[in-house]
Amino acid sequence: MNRVFVYGTLKNGQPNHFRLMDPGSGTSTFVGQGQTLEKYPLVIDRSWNLPCLLKLPGSGLTVKGEIYDVDDQKMKFLDFFEDHPELYTRTRISVKHVSDSSESQISTDDSRRNSPRHQENASNALSECWCYFYQDIQSVSGFPHMESYDSKGDHGLQYDARVDADFDEKKP
């Protein structure tokens, strides 16, 4: 399995999450909520309102997203979907597991606390994850940074799904 950190339209509740979960393009399993260990600029490109993580470690903010385990078939699909290595480049980064509000309500009996999955998802545990970084840094470098992406966020820059029409035509 390959561990992947998603921060944009592939997250749960976002416009392309269905693509990540589609069993026809491979297997993906939600591991938990995550946050980049290093700071990176997360911006929205204005052409299609695409979320873009820039490979400029140390600048920007720590970015919140989701961690998934995906099989090789899904990894190949994600490379195609993200137009790796042309538009986005896949790179390994360190991601810290963080708990969300639903996790904090999970029973904490000894068997639950000591399970491998619970320990892996404990706050501050680290995973090395694949992450897709936007290549055209110059075109978006002046845009405001954000900690977490939501297509319908108060930024007013809703994702333009028309960009996916071209992808869907080329889909193998």
C-alpha atoms as a PDB file:
ATOM      1  CA  MET A   1       0.000   0.000   0.000  1.00  0.00           C
ATOM      2  CA  ASN A   2       0.980   3.611  -0.591  1.00  0.00           C
ATOM      3  CA  ARG A   3       0.185   6.305   1.965  1.00  0.00           C
ATOM      4  CA  VAL A   4      -1.155   9.543   0.446  1.00  0.00           C
ATOM      5  CA  PHE A   5      -1.934  12.950   1.965  1.00  0.00           C
ATOM      6  CA  VAL A   6      -4.757  14.850   0.241  1.00  0.00           C
ATOM      7  CA  TYR A   7      -5.459  18.510   0.960  1.00  0.00           C
ATOM      8  CA  GLY A   8      -7.838  19.686  -1.763  1.00  0.00           C
ATOM      9  CA  THR A   9     -10.666  18.437  -3.961  1.00  0.00           C
ATOM     10  CA  LEU A  10      -9.972  14.776  -3.102  1.00  0.00           C
ATOM     11  CA  LYS A  11     -10.842  15.240   0.582  1.00  0.00           C
ATOM     12  CA  ASN A  12     -14.120  13.927   1.963  1.00  0.00           C
ATOM     13  CA  GLY A  13     -16.950  16.357   1.159  1.00  0.00           C
ATOM     14  CA  GLN A  14     -15.040  17.953  -1.721  1.00  0.00           C
ATOM     15  CA  PRO A  15     -15.830  17.794  -5.471  1.00  0.00           C
ATOM     16  CA  ASN A  16     -13.431  14.974  -6.444  1.00  0.00           C
ATOM     17  CA  HIS A  17     -13.635  12.741  -3.376  1.00  0.00           C
ATOM     18  CA  PHE A  18     -15.729  10.268  -5.377  1.00  0.00           C
ATOM     19  CA  ARG A  19     -12.721   9.735  -7.654  1.00  0.00           C
ATOM     20  CA  LEU A  20     -10.513   8.759  -4.717  1.00  0.00           C
ATOM     21  CA  MET A  21     -13.139   6.315  -3.452  1.00  0.00           C
ATOM     22  CA  ASP A  22     -14.086   4.796  -6.843  1.00  0.00           C
ATOM     23  CA  PRO A  23     -13.251   1.063  -6.630  1.00  0.00           C
ATOM     24  CA  GLY A  24     -12.984   0.949 -10.424  1.00  0.00           C
ATOM     25  CA  SER A  25      -9.644   2.776 -10.251  1.00  0.00           C
ATOM     26  CA  GLY A  26      -8.192   0.867  -7.293  1.00  0.00           C
ATOM     27  CA  THR A  27      -8.521   0.640  -3.542  1.00  0.00           C
ATOM     28  CA  SER A  28      -8.308   3.469  -1.033  1.00  0.00           C
ATOM     29  CA  THR A  29      -8.780   3.345   2.729  1.00  0.00           C
ATOM     30  CA  PHE A  30      -9.169   6.369   4.987  1.00  0.00           C
ATOM     31  CA  VAL A  31      -6.462   6.355   7.673  1.00  0.00           C
ATOM     32  CA  GLY A  32      -7.236   9.608   9.472  1.00  0.00           C
ATOM     33  CA  GLN A  33      -6.929  13.361   9.624  1.00  0.00           C
ATOM     34  CA  GLY A  34      -3.456  14.782   9.090  1.00  0.00           C
ATOM     35  CA  GLN A  35      -1.448  17.976   9.083  1.00  0.00           C
ATOM     36  CA  THR A  36       1.851  18.630   7.354  1.00  0.00           C
ATOM     37  CA  LEU A  37       4.799  18.621   9.716  1.00  0.00           C
ATOM     38  CA  GLU A  38       6.419  21.476   7.794  1.00  0.00           C
ATOM     39  CA  LYS A  39       4.779  24.679   6.647  1.00  0.00           C
ATOM     40  CA  TYR A  40       3.840  24.972   2.970  1.00  0.00           C
ATOM     41  CA  PRO A  41       1.854  27.563   1.012  1.00  0.00           C
ATOM     42  CA  LEU A  42      -1.624  26.271   0.135  1.00  0.00           C
ATOM     43  CA  VAL A  43      -3.247  28.637  -2.361  1.00  0.00           C
ATOM     44  CA  ILE A  44      -6.069  28.655  -4.896  1.00  0.00           C
ATOM     45  CA  ASP A  45      -5.138  29.114  -8.562  1.00  0.00           C
ATOM     46  CA  ARG A  46      -7.589  31.564 -10.116  1.00  0.00           C
ATOM     47  CA  SER A  47      -7.907  29.938 -13.561  1.00  0.00           C
ATOM     48  CA  TRP A  48     -10.051  26.967 -12.389  1.00  0.00           C
ATOM     49  CA  ASN A  49      -9.967  27.681  -8.646  1.00  0.00           C
ATOM     50  CA  LEU A  50      -7.696  24.693  -8.125  1.00  0.00           C
ATOM     51  CA  PRO A  51      -6.156  24.151  -4.695  1.00  0.00           C
ATOM     52  CA  CYS A  52      -2.371  24.191  -5.051  1.00  0.00           C
ATOM     53  CA  LEU A  53       0.222  23.152  -2.508  1.00  0.00           C
ATOM     54  CA  LEU A  54       3.578  24.727  -3.283  1.00  0.00           C
ATOM     55  CA  LYS A  55       6.851  22.951  -2.621  1.00  0.00           C
ATOM     56  CA  LEU A  56       8.304  25.815  -0.601  1.00  0.00           C
ATOM     57  CA  PRO A  57       8.943  24.173   2.784  1.00  0.00           C
ATOM     58  CA  GLY A  58       9.142  26.568   5.706  1.00  0.00           C
ATOM     59  CA  SER A  59       6.833  29.201   4.204  1.00  0.00           C
ATOM     60  CA  GLY A  60       3.047  29.294   4.424  1.00  0.00           C
ATOM     61  CA  LEU A  61       1.195  27.331   7.102  1.00  0.00           C
ATOM     62  CA  THR A  62       0.955  23.754   8.313  1.00  0.00           C
ATOM     63  CA  VAL A  63      -1.736  22.320   6.050  1.00  0.00           C
ATOM     64  CA  LYS A  64      -4.645  20.160   7.219  1.00  0.00           C
ATOM     65  CA  GLY A  65      -5.910  17.284   5.108  1.00  0.00           C
ATOM     66  CA  GLU A  66      -6.590  13.554   5.092  1.00  0.00           C
ATOM     67  CA  ILE A  67      -4.401  10.467   4.991  1.00  0.00           C
ATOM     68  CA  TYR A  68      -5.319   7.449   2.845  1.00  0.00           C
ATOM     69  CA  ASP A  69      -3.733   4.112   2.071  1.00  0.00           C
ATOM     70  CA  VAL A  70      -4.056   3.329  -1.630  1.00  0.00           C
ATOM     71  CA  ASP A  71      -3.020   0.350  -3.724  1.00  0.00           C
ATOM     72  CA  ASP A  72      -0.709   0.589  -6.741  1.00  0.00           C
ATOM     73  CA  GLN A  73      -3.642   0.817  -9.163  1.00  0.00           C
ATOM     74  CA  LYS A  74      -5.113   3.807  -7.282  1.00  0.00           C
ATOM     75  CA  MET A  75      -1.643   5.405  -7.081  1.00  0.00           C
ATOM     76  CA  LYS A  76      -1.334   5.130 -10.856  1.00  0.00           C
ATOM     77  CA  PHE A  77      -4.808   6.683 -11.200  1.00  0.00           C
ATOM     78  CA  LEU A  78      -3.879   9.565  -8.857  1.00  0.00           C
ATOM     79  CA  ASP A  79      -0.712  10.238 -10.878  1.00  0.00           C
ATOM     80  CA  PHE A  80      -2.872  10.462 -13.995  1.00  0.00           C
ATOM     81  CA  PHE A  81      -5.554  12.580 -12.288  1.00  0.00           C
ATOM     82  CA  GLU A  82      -2.984  15.025 -10.862  1.00  0.00           C
ATOM     83  CA  ASP A  83      -1.112  15.112 -14.204  1.00  0.00           C
ATOM     84  CA  HIS A  84       2.100  13.989 -12.491  1.00  0.00           C
ATOM     85  CA  PRO A  85       4.800  15.067 -13.217  1.00  0.00           C
ATOM     86  CA  GLU A  86       3.626  17.889 -15.512  1.00  0.00           C
ATOM     87  CA  LEU A  87       1.068  19.903 -13.479  1.00  0.00           C
ATOM     88  CA  TYR A  88       1.676  18.401 -10.026  1.00  0.00           C
ATOM     89  CA  THR A  89       4.715  16.496  -8.784  1.00  0.00           C
ATOM     90  CA  ARG A  90       4.371  13.646  -6.314  1.00  0.00           C
ATOM     91  CA  THR A  91       6.788  13.956  -3.375  1.00  0.00           C
ATOM     92  CA  ARG A  92       7.075  12.288   0.038  1.00  0.00           C
ATOM     93  CA  ILE A  93       6.465  14.477   3.080  1.00  0.00           C
ATOM     94  CA  SER A  94       6.005  13.954   6.815  1.00  0.00           C
ATOM     95  CA  VAL A  95       2.426  14.240   8.037  1.00  0.00           C
ATOM     96  CA  LYS A  96       1.335  14.374  11.659  1.00  0.00           C
ATOM     97  CA  HIS A  97      -1.827  12.492  12.597  1.00  0.00           C
ATOM     98  CA  VAL A  98      -4.351  14.750  14.303  1.00  0.00           C
ATOM     99  CA  SER A  99      -7.599  13.813  15.955  1.00  0.00           C
ATOM    100  CA  ASP A 100     -10.888  15.319  14.864  1.00  0.00           C
ATOM    101  CA  SER A 101     -14.001  15.858  16.979  1.00  0.00           C
ATOM    102  CA  SER A 102     -15.433  12.402  16.190  1.00  0.00           C
ATOM    103  CA  GLU A 103     -12.180  10.718  17.181  1.00  0.00           C
ATOM    104  CA  SER A 104     -12.215  12.418  20.566  1.00  0.00           C
ATOM    105  CA  GLN A 105     -15.526  10.722  21.344  1.00  0.00           C
ATOM    106  CA  ILE A 106     -14.236   7.203  20.666  1.00  0.00           C
ATOM    107  CA  SER A 107     -14.224   4.878  23.656  1.00  0.00           C
ATOM    108  CA  THR A 108     -10.845   4.788  25.387  1.00  0.00           C
ATOM    109  CA  ASP A 109     -10.980   1.335  26.974  1.00  0.00           C
ATOM    110  CA  ASP A 110      -7.643  -0.523  27.095  1.00  0.00           C
ATOM    111  CA  SER A 111      -8.331  -2.772  24.093  1.00  0.00           C
ATOM    112  CA  ARG A 112      -9.217   0.270  21.958  1.00  0.00           C
ATOM    113  CA  ARG A 113      -6.234   2.341  23.141  1.00  0.00           C
ATOM    114  CA  ASN A 114      -3.756  -0.462  22.497  1.00  0.00           C
ATOM    115  CA  SER A 115      -4.967  -1.428  19.039  1.00  0.00           C
ATOM    116  CA  PRO A 116      -2.386  -0.769  16.277  1.00  0.00           C
ATOM    117  CA  ARG A 117      -4.834   1.365  14.269  1.00  0.00           C
ATOM    118  CA  HIS A 118      -5.593   3.572  17.280  1.00  0.00           C
ATOM    119  CA  GLN A 119      -1.878   4.023  18.051  1.00  0.00           C
ATOM    120  CA  GLU A 120      -1.173   4.871  14.410  1.00  0.00           C
ATOM    121  CA  ASN A 121      -3.875   7.533  14.464  1.00  0.00           C
ATOM    122  CA  ALA A 122      -2.946   8.939  17.859  1.00  0.00           C
ATOM    123  CA  SER A 123      -2.280  12.665  17.727  1.00  0.00           C
ATOM    124  CA  ASN A 124       1.320  13.487  16.873  1.00  0.00           C
ATOM    125  CA  ALA A 125       2.072  10.076  15.301  1.00  0.00           C
ATOM    126  CA  LEU A 126       3.895  10.616  12.002  1.00  0.00           C
ATOM    127  CA  SER A 127       3.463   9.081   8.565  1.00  0.00           C
ATOM    128  CA  GLU A 128       5.544   9.479   5.461  1.00  0.00           C
ATOM    129  CA  CYS A 129       2.998  10.250   2.747  1.00  0.00           C
ATOM    130  CA  TRP A 130       2.972  10.937  -0.940  1.00  0.00           C
ATOM    131  CA  CYS A 131       1.686  14.432  -1.642  1.00  0.00           C
ATOM    132  CA  TYR A 132       1.099  16.331  -4.896  1.00  0.00           C
ATOM    133  CA  PHE A 133       2.785  19.734  -5.253  1.00  0.00           C
ATOM    134  CA  TYR A 134       1.761  22.266  -7.890  1.00  0.00           C
ATOM    135  CA  GLN A 135       4.516  22.968 -10.417  1.00  0.00           C
ATOM    136  CA  ASP A 136       3.727  26.501 -11.632  1.00  0.00           C
ATOM    137  CA  ILE A 137       4.782  28.310  -8.455  1.00  0.00           C
ATOM    138  CA  GLN A 138       5.289  31.657 -10.212  1.00  0.00           C
ATOM    139  CA  SER A 139       1.670  31.897 -11.373  1.00  0.00           C
ATOM    140  CA  VAL A 140       0.255  31.569  -7.836  1.00  0.00           C
ATOM    141  CA  SER A 141       3.042  32.826  -5.580  1.00  0.00           C
ATOM    142  CA  GLY A 142       1.282  36.056  -4.555  1.00  0.00           C
ATOM    143  CA  PHE A 143      -2.015  34.455  -3.542  1.00  0.00           C
ATOM    144  CA  PRO A 144      -3.147  34.228   0.100  1.00  0.00           C
ATOM    145  CA  HIS A 145      -2.149  31.109   2.048  1.00  0.00           C
ATOM    146  CA  MET A 146      -4.661  28.910   3.824  1.00  0.00           C
ATOM    147  CA  GLU A 147      -4.448  26.157   6.401  1.00  0.00           C
ATOM    148  CA  SER A 148      -7.319  24.048   5.083  1.00  0.00           C
ATOM    149  CA  TYR A 149      -9.117  23.929   1.735  1.00  0.00           C
ATOM    150  CA  ASP A 150     -12.882  23.831   1.243  1.00  0.00           C
ATOM    151  CA  SER A 151     -14.283  24.398  -2.242  1.00  0.00           C
ATOM    152  CA  LYS A 152     -17.217  26.309  -0.770  1.00  0.00           C
ATOM    153  CA  GLY A 153     -15.139  28.198   1.787  1.00  0.00           C
ATOM    154  CA  ASP A 154     -15.493  31.874   2.587  1.00  0.00           C
ATOM    155  CA  HIS A 155     -12.740  32.661   0.052  1.00  0.00           C
ATOM    156  CA  GLY A 156     -15.501  32.731  -2.626  1.00  0.00           C
ATOM    157  CA  LEU A 157     -13.425  30.719  -5.120  1.00  0.00           C
ATOM    158  CA  GLN A 158     -15.514  27.584  -5.667  1.00  0.00           C
ATOM    159  CA  TYR A 159     -13.757  24.820  -7.613  1.00  0.00           C
ATOM    160  CA  ASP A 160     -14.618  24.929 -11.319  1.00  0.00           C
ATOM    161  CA  ALA A 161     -15.445  21.315 -12.181  1.00  0.00           C
ATOM    162  CA  ARG A 162     -15.355  22.100 -15.911  1.00  0.00           C
ATOM    163  CA  VAL A 163     -11.630  21.412 -15.683  1.00  0.00           C
ATOM    164  CA  ASP A 164     -12.531  17.755 -15.076  1.00  0.00           C
ATOM    165  CA  ALA A 165     -14.345  17.432 -18.418  1.00  0.00           C
ATOM    166  CA  ASP A 166     -10.967  17.294 -20.177  1.00  0.00           C
ATOM    167  CA  PHE A 167      -9.735  14.735 -17.653  1.00  0.00           C
ATOM    168  CA  ASP A 168     -12.849  12.566 -18.105  1.00  0.00           C
ATOM    169  CA  GLU A 169     -12.363  12.539 -21.874  1.00  0.00           C
ATOM    170  CA  LYS A 170      -8.767  11.315 -21.540  1.00  0.00           C
ATOM    171  CA  LYS A 171      -9.480   8.841 -18.724  1.00  0.00           C
ATOM    172  CA  PRO A 172      -8.202   5.354 -19.657  1.00  0.00           C
END
